[in-house]
Every structure is written in C-alpha cells, then in structure tokens.
Amino acid sequence: MNRKITLALLFFLFTALSFAQTGNLTIKSETGEKFFLYINGQEINKTPQSMVMVQNLSEPYFDVEIQFANRRIPSIVMGPLTIADGTGQLRHVTYKLAKSKRSGKMKLTFVSMVPVDRHAIVPKNIFIGVYLPIAIQIPVEEAPQQPVGCRDGYRMGNNDFQSAMATIKNQSFDDTRQKLAQQIVSANCMDTNQIMQMANLFGFDQSKLEFAKFAYDFCTDPNNYYKLSNIFGFSSSAEELSDYVQSRH
C-alpha cells in the first residue's frame, strides 16, 4: 500500500528555487486587445492586460487559455505550449496575439525562444504574473512510474493531439522537436497512427527511430506498431525498429 506525502509549494520557496531551472512565458497582443491569461486553469491576471509575462515557470509545458475582455472575441485554448529547448533547458518564450489574415480571428503565434535574462529591464506596460503549482504528490515507498495501462487504453484526444502537433511544428530543429514530442507522449497514451504522424514531423530517420522506440511504451495498440516501418527512408531503420519491438516481447 503506497503512502503519499503532499508537499505544498510555498511562494517564497518556489521563488528561491527558481534560479536553478526556471523559464518565463510572455504573451502580447499586437492589436492592443486586453485579455485574461490562464495557465493549467490558474488565473494569472485578475484585470485584463494587453501584455503578460509569467516568471519562474518550473515545468516544460503548459495548457494555456486566453479570454478576451471583449467577450465577442472567441477564447483561445492551446496546449501543451513548451518553454523548453531541445536540451530540456527552460527558456523565455514569447507568443503574440494577432488577427489571422485568412480568417480574421485572433490566434496565438510563436515568436521567439531565448535564454532567460535575470537582469533584463522589464517594460513598464507589461503585467508580471506568477504561476504557482498548488501541490506535488511524491510516492514514499517507490519512485514515480511512467504512465501504465496504455495497451488497449484510450488514446490522446484529437483536439489535444492537434494542438500538440502544431506546437511541435513551431520548433525549428529536429532535436527540439524530438525532445518536445517525447515530453508529450510520455504524459499521454497514443495509438500507432498518432505516433506515426508525430514521427513524420522529424526530417531525419535517426530522429524518427529514436522517437518510435521511446513511444512504444505509450502505445495503445502495439500490435499495429509494424506500420511505422513506412515512415523511414532507409530499410535499415525499419529493421532496427522491428528488432527493438521484438526484444520487448
């Protein structure tokens, strides 16, 4: 019987630890439309702002919701958005809110990912917010386990999957895309077709192969994993994946 200890993360402790490995997220409205920002359901600003920076984020990715002060503008829900680069380092990531030229609707677009500058001068017109996890549960008698029960389980929902795909596509390099994809698949269950689609976002066989091996444990229908042989440009990569899957039986 596992006992769990709930550790409340107090703000001063969270801030003190932030310098070890934290990142920032900035969202700014190009049109000046004011909005409320929610991260993982937590309200960041209680009054609408046109530019919000959330500091000292200790997690690599988040679900984000934006509700506009002008209620005629539809809310934007996206996730997961990442603030981690290909090495897992947390960065200062900026997104902008702008009208789509095609649809005329407001959309959230990736702008930049840069190292966190603790000494940067913050503009006066930006609202500084804090996201504070309420608690973390840590098993006492055993180490945290990877998600179980993916075999014959429920795959990642289509809306969440498409948001994840869009976020990965925003990354410029295979290393960054692979790191983010592994973070996403390790927190969800996916079927073979979803894993194939995500693997095809990588440009190189080696990246596809490494991701396919990693994702095997999180596949809901591993009996269909042979289909991934079609994603490779070289038969040697397909053979290596087949040997890996056989070794896991």
Protein backbone atom coordinates (compact mmCIF):
# COMPACT_ATOMS: atom_id res chain seq x y z
CA MET A 1 0.00 0.00 0.00
CA ASN A 2 1.61 3.22 -1.11
CA ARG A 3 1.56 6.22 1.16
CA LYS A 4 1.84 9.63 -0.42
CA ILE A 5 3.10 12.84 1.08
CA THR A 6 1.63 16.07 -0.26
CA LEU A 7 4.23 18.83 -0.31
CA ALA A 8 2.71 22.33 -0.50
CA LEU A 9 4.95 24.60 -2.55
CA LEU A 10 5.05 27.95 -0.77
CA PHE A 11 5.68 31.01 -2.90
CA PHE A 12 8.91 32.06 -1.21
CA LEU A 13 10.35 28.57 -1.57
CA PHE A 14 9.29 28.37 -5.20
CA THR A 15 10.94 31.73 -5.90
CA ALA A 16 14.14 30.77 -4.13
CA LEU A 17 14.46 27.62 -6.20
CA SER A 18 13.55 29.36 -9.45
CA PHE A 19 17.10 30.41 -10.26
CA ALA A 20 18.17 26.79 -10.52
CA GLN A 21 16.00 25.99 -13.53
CA THR A 22 13.00 28.12 -14.47
CA GLY A 23 11.67 29.84 -17.53
CA ASN A 24 9.37 32.70 -18.49
CA LEU A 25 6.37 33.00 -20.80
CA THR A 26 5.33 36.29 -22.39
CA ILE A 27 2.11 36.79 -24.33
CA LYS A 28 1.48 40.14 -26.01
CA SER A 29 -1.40 41.45 -28.06
CA GLU A 30 -0.37 43.13 -31.31
CA THR A 31 -3.80 44.73 -31.66
CA GLY A 32 -3.92 46.03 -28.09
CA GLU A 33 -6.84 43.76 -27.18
CA LYS A 34 -6.82 43.13 -23.44
CA PHE A 35 -7.13 39.58 -22.15
CA PHE A 36 -7.11 37.28 -19.14
CA LEU A 37 -4.46 34.54 -19.11
CA TYR A 38 -4.97 31.11 -17.56
CA ILE A 39 -2.19 28.52 -17.21
CA ASN A 40 -3.31 24.97 -16.40
CA GLY A 41 -6.62 26.53 -15.32
CA GLN A 42 -4.98 29.00 -12.93
CA GLU A 43 -5.87 32.68 -13.45
CA ILE A 44 -2.73 34.80 -13.86
CA ASN A 45 -4.15 38.33 -14.14
CA LYS A 46 -7.42 39.34 -12.48
CA THR A 47 -7.70 42.51 -14.58
CA PRO A 48 -7.38 42.36 -18.39
CA GLN A 49 -3.98 43.23 -19.83
CA SER A 50 -2.53 43.61 -23.33
CA MET A 51 0.85 42.09 -22.37
CA VAL A 52 1.50 39.48 -19.65
CA MET A 53 4.78 37.89 -18.54
CA VAL A 54 4.72 34.83 -16.28
CA GLN A 55 8.03 34.31 -14.49
CA ASN A 56 9.67 31.42 -12.66
CA LEU A 57 7.92 28.59 -14.52
CA SER A 58 9.41 25.29 -13.40
CA GLU A 59 7.60 22.93 -15.80
CA PRO A 60 8.46 22.38 -19.50
CA TYR A 61 4.99 22.77 -20.97
CA PHE A 62 1.54 24.10 -20.09
CA ASP A 63 -2.06 24.30 -21.20
CA VAL A 64 -2.95 27.92 -21.93
CA GLU A 65 -6.32 29.66 -22.19
CA ILE A 66 -6.85 33.28 -23.21
CA GLN A 67 -10.16 35.02 -22.56
CA PHE A 68 -10.58 38.47 -24.07
CA ALA A 69 -12.09 41.42 -22.22
CA ASN A 70 -14.17 41.90 -25.37
CA ARG A 71 -16.44 38.87 -24.99
CA ARG A 72 -17.33 38.99 -28.68
CA ILE A 73 -13.84 37.66 -29.42
CA PRO A 74 -13.72 33.85 -29.00
CA SER A 75 -11.39 32.49 -26.35
CA ILE A 76 -8.19 30.72 -27.40
CA VAL A 77 -7.27 27.37 -25.84
CA MET A 78 -3.93 25.76 -26.68
CA GLY A 79 -1.71 23.16 -25.16
CA PRO A 80 0.72 22.00 -24.46
CA LEU A 81 2.88 25.07 -25.09
CA THR A 82 6.55 24.45 -24.35
CA ILE A 83 9.15 26.69 -22.76
CA ALA A 84 11.93 24.07 -23.04
CA ASP A 85 14.54 23.82 -25.79
CA GLY A 86 15.95 20.63 -27.31
CA THR A 87 18.25 20.06 -24.33
CA GLY A 88 15.45 20.40 -21.80
CA GLN A 89 16.61 23.84 -20.63
CA LEU A 90 13.77 26.19 -19.71
CA ARG A 91 13.81 29.42 -21.70
CA HIS A 92 11.97 32.74 -22.07
CA VAL A 93 9.35 32.07 -24.73
CA THR A 94 7.25 34.77 -26.36
CA TYR A 95 3.95 34.37 -28.19
CA LYS A 96 1.88 37.08 -29.87
CA LEU A 97 -1.85 37.54 -30.28
CA ALA A 98 -2.74 38.76 -33.76
CA LYS A 99 -5.56 38.54 -36.28
CA SER A 100 -5.26 35.79 -38.84
CA LYS A 101 -5.08 37.25 -42.34
CA ARG A 102 -7.10 34.31 -43.63
CA SER A 103 -9.92 34.06 -41.08
CA GLY A 104 -9.76 37.43 -39.34
CA LYS A 105 -9.88 35.65 -35.97
CA MET A 106 -7.39 36.17 -33.17
CA LYS A 107 -4.73 33.49 -32.95
CA LEU A 108 -1.69 32.74 -30.79
CA THR A 109 1.61 32.56 -32.68
CA PHE A 110 5.11 31.59 -31.55
CA VAL A 111 7.61 34.49 -31.72
CA SER A 112 10.86 33.54 -30.01
CA MET A 113 12.70 31.30 -27.54
CA VAL A 114 15.72 32.86 -25.83
CA PRO A 115 17.75 32.25 -22.65
CA VAL A 116 16.26 33.79 -19.51
CA ASP A 117 17.92 37.11 -18.69
CA ARG A 118 17.53 37.71 -14.95
CA HIS A 119 18.83 41.25 -15.31
CA ALA A 120 16.69 42.34 -18.24
CA ILE A 121 14.77 45.59 -17.85
CA VAL A 122 11.04 44.82 -17.88
CA PRO A 123 8.87 47.30 -19.84
CA LYS A 124 6.52 49.38 -17.71
CA ASN A 125 3.48 48.39 -19.75
CA ILE A 126 3.85 44.66 -19.07
CA PHE A 127 1.98 42.82 -16.32
CA ILE A 128 4.13 40.42 -14.29
CA GLY A 129 2.28 37.34 -13.13
CA VAL A 130 3.19 34.20 -11.19
CA TYR A 131 2.03 30.63 -11.78
CA LEU A 132 2.23 28.61 -8.55
CA PRO A 133 1.57 24.87 -8.51
CA ILE A 134 -0.65 24.09 -5.53
CA ALA A 135 0.96 20.80 -4.54
CA ILE A 136 3.08 17.91 -5.71
CA GLN A 137 2.44 14.32 -4.68
CA ILE A 138 5.55 12.19 -4.26
CA PRO A 139 5.30 8.43 -3.56
CA VAL A 140 7.25 7.48 -0.46
CA GLU A 141 7.81 3.78 -0.97
CA GLU A 142 8.59 3.75 -4.69
CA ALA A 143 9.83 6.11 -7.38
CA PRO A 144 7.34 7.79 -9.73
CA GLN A 145 6.35 5.45 -12.54
CA GLN A 146 5.72 6.10 -16.20
CA PRO A 147 2.04 6.05 -17.22
CA VAL A 148 0.71 2.49 -17.27
CA GLY A 149 -2.25 0.89 -18.94
CA CYS A 150 -1.71 2.36 -22.41
CA ARG A 151 -2.19 -1.05 -24.05
CA ASP A 152 -5.87 -1.24 -25.02
CA GLY A 153 -6.34 2.13 -23.31
CA TYR A 154 -7.64 5.45 -24.51
CA ARG A 155 -5.57 7.42 -26.99
CA MET A 156 -4.89 11.15 -26.70
CA GLY A 157 -7.95 13.23 -27.67
CA ASN A 158 -7.95 14.64 -31.19
CA ASN A 159 -8.06 18.31 -30.14
CA ASP A 160 -5.19 17.88 -27.69
CA PHE A 161 -3.26 15.88 -30.27
CA GLN A 162 -3.66 18.51 -32.99
CA SER A 163 -2.55 21.24 -30.56
CA ALA A 164 0.50 19.16 -29.66
CA MET A 165 1.33 18.64 -33.34
CA ALA A 166 1.08 22.37 -34.01
CA THR A 167 3.35 23.15 -31.08
CA ILE A 168 5.99 20.68 -32.29
CA LYS A 169 5.81 22.09 -35.83
CA ASN A 170 6.68 25.53 -34.40
CA GLN A 171 10.13 24.23 -33.43
CA SER A 172 12.91 24.79 -35.96
CA PHE A 173 15.20 21.81 -35.29
CA ASP A 174 14.77 18.04 -35.09
CA ASP A 175 16.45 17.88 -31.67
CA THR A 176 13.97 20.39 -30.23
CA ARG A 177 11.01 18.68 -31.88
CA GLN A 178 12.09 15.26 -30.63
CA LYS A 179 12.56 16.45 -27.06
CA LEU A 180 9.13 18.08 -27.01
CA ALA A 181 7.48 15.07 -28.67
CA GLN A 182 8.95 12.75 -26.04
CA GLN A 183 7.64 15.01 -23.28
CA ILE A 184 4.16 14.94 -24.79
CA VAL A 185 3.97 11.20 -25.48
CA SER A 186 5.32 10.37 -22.02
CA ALA A 187 2.39 12.21 -20.45
CA ASN A 188 -0.27 10.67 -22.71
CA CYS A 189 -1.30 7.47 -24.43
CA MET A 190 -1.28 7.46 -28.25
CA ASP A 191 -2.27 4.94 -30.89
CA THR A 192 0.02 3.82 -33.71
CA ASN A 193 -1.40 6.29 -36.22
CA GLN A 194 -0.84 9.25 -33.88
CA ILE A 195 2.73 8.13 -33.22
CA MET A 196 3.31 7.82 -36.97
CA GLN A 197 2.02 11.36 -37.58
CA MET A 198 4.21 12.78 -34.84
CA ALA A 199 7.30 10.86 -36.01
CA ASN A 200 6.80 12.22 -39.53
CA LEU A 201 7.40 15.74 -38.19
CA PHE A 202 11.10 14.86 -37.98
CA GLY A 203 13.31 15.27 -41.02
CA PHE A 204 15.86 12.55 -40.28
CA ASP A 205 15.49 8.79 -39.97
CA GLN A 206 17.55 8.73 -36.78
CA SER A 207 15.20 11.17 -35.05
CA LYS A 208 12.18 9.17 -36.21
CA LEU A 209 13.75 5.94 -34.98
CA GLU A 210 14.65 7.29 -31.53
CA PHE A 211 11.15 8.70 -31.08
CA ALA A 212 9.47 5.49 -32.29
CA LYS A 213 11.46 3.43 -29.76
CA PHE A 214 10.65 5.87 -26.96
CA ALA A 215 6.94 6.00 -27.83
CA TYR A 216 6.47 2.21 -27.86
CA ASP A 217 5.72 2.08 -24.12
CA PHE A 218 2.93 4.63 -24.54
CA CYS A 219 1.15 2.99 -27.49
CA THR A 220 -2.44 1.79 -27.04
CA ASP A 221 -2.22 -0.72 -29.89
CA PRO A 222 1.37 -2.02 -30.04
CA ASN A 223 0.20 -4.93 -32.21
CA ASN A 224 -0.03 -2.38 -35.05
CA TYR A 225 3.44 -0.98 -34.50
CA TYR A 226 4.70 -2.65 -37.68
CA LYS A 227 3.02 0.19 -39.60
CA LEU A 228 5.81 2.53 -38.51
CA SER A 229 8.15 0.83 -40.97
CA ASN A 230 6.58 3.07 -43.62
CA ILE A 231 7.92 6.30 -42.09
CA PHE A 232 11.58 5.56 -42.75
CA GLY A 233 13.63 6.40 -45.82
CA PHE A 234 16.09 3.56 -45.18
CA SER A 235 15.22 -0.10 -44.68
CA SER A 236 17.92 -0.41 -42.02
CA SER A 237 15.95 1.95 -39.77
CA ALA A 238 12.78 -0.10 -40.20
CA GLU A 239 14.70 -3.27 -39.39
CA GLU A 240 16.22 -1.73 -36.26
CA LEU A 241 12.78 -0.70 -35.00
CA SER A 242 11.42 -4.20 -35.74
CA ASP A 243 14.30 -5.77 -33.78
CA TYR A 244 13.63 -3.38 -30.88
CA VAL A 245 9.93 -4.27 -30.76
CA GLN A 246 10.76 -7.99 -30.86
CA SER A 247 13.18 -7.56 -27.98
CA ARG A 248 10.41 -6.08 -25.84
CA HIS A 249 8.17 -9.17 -26.15
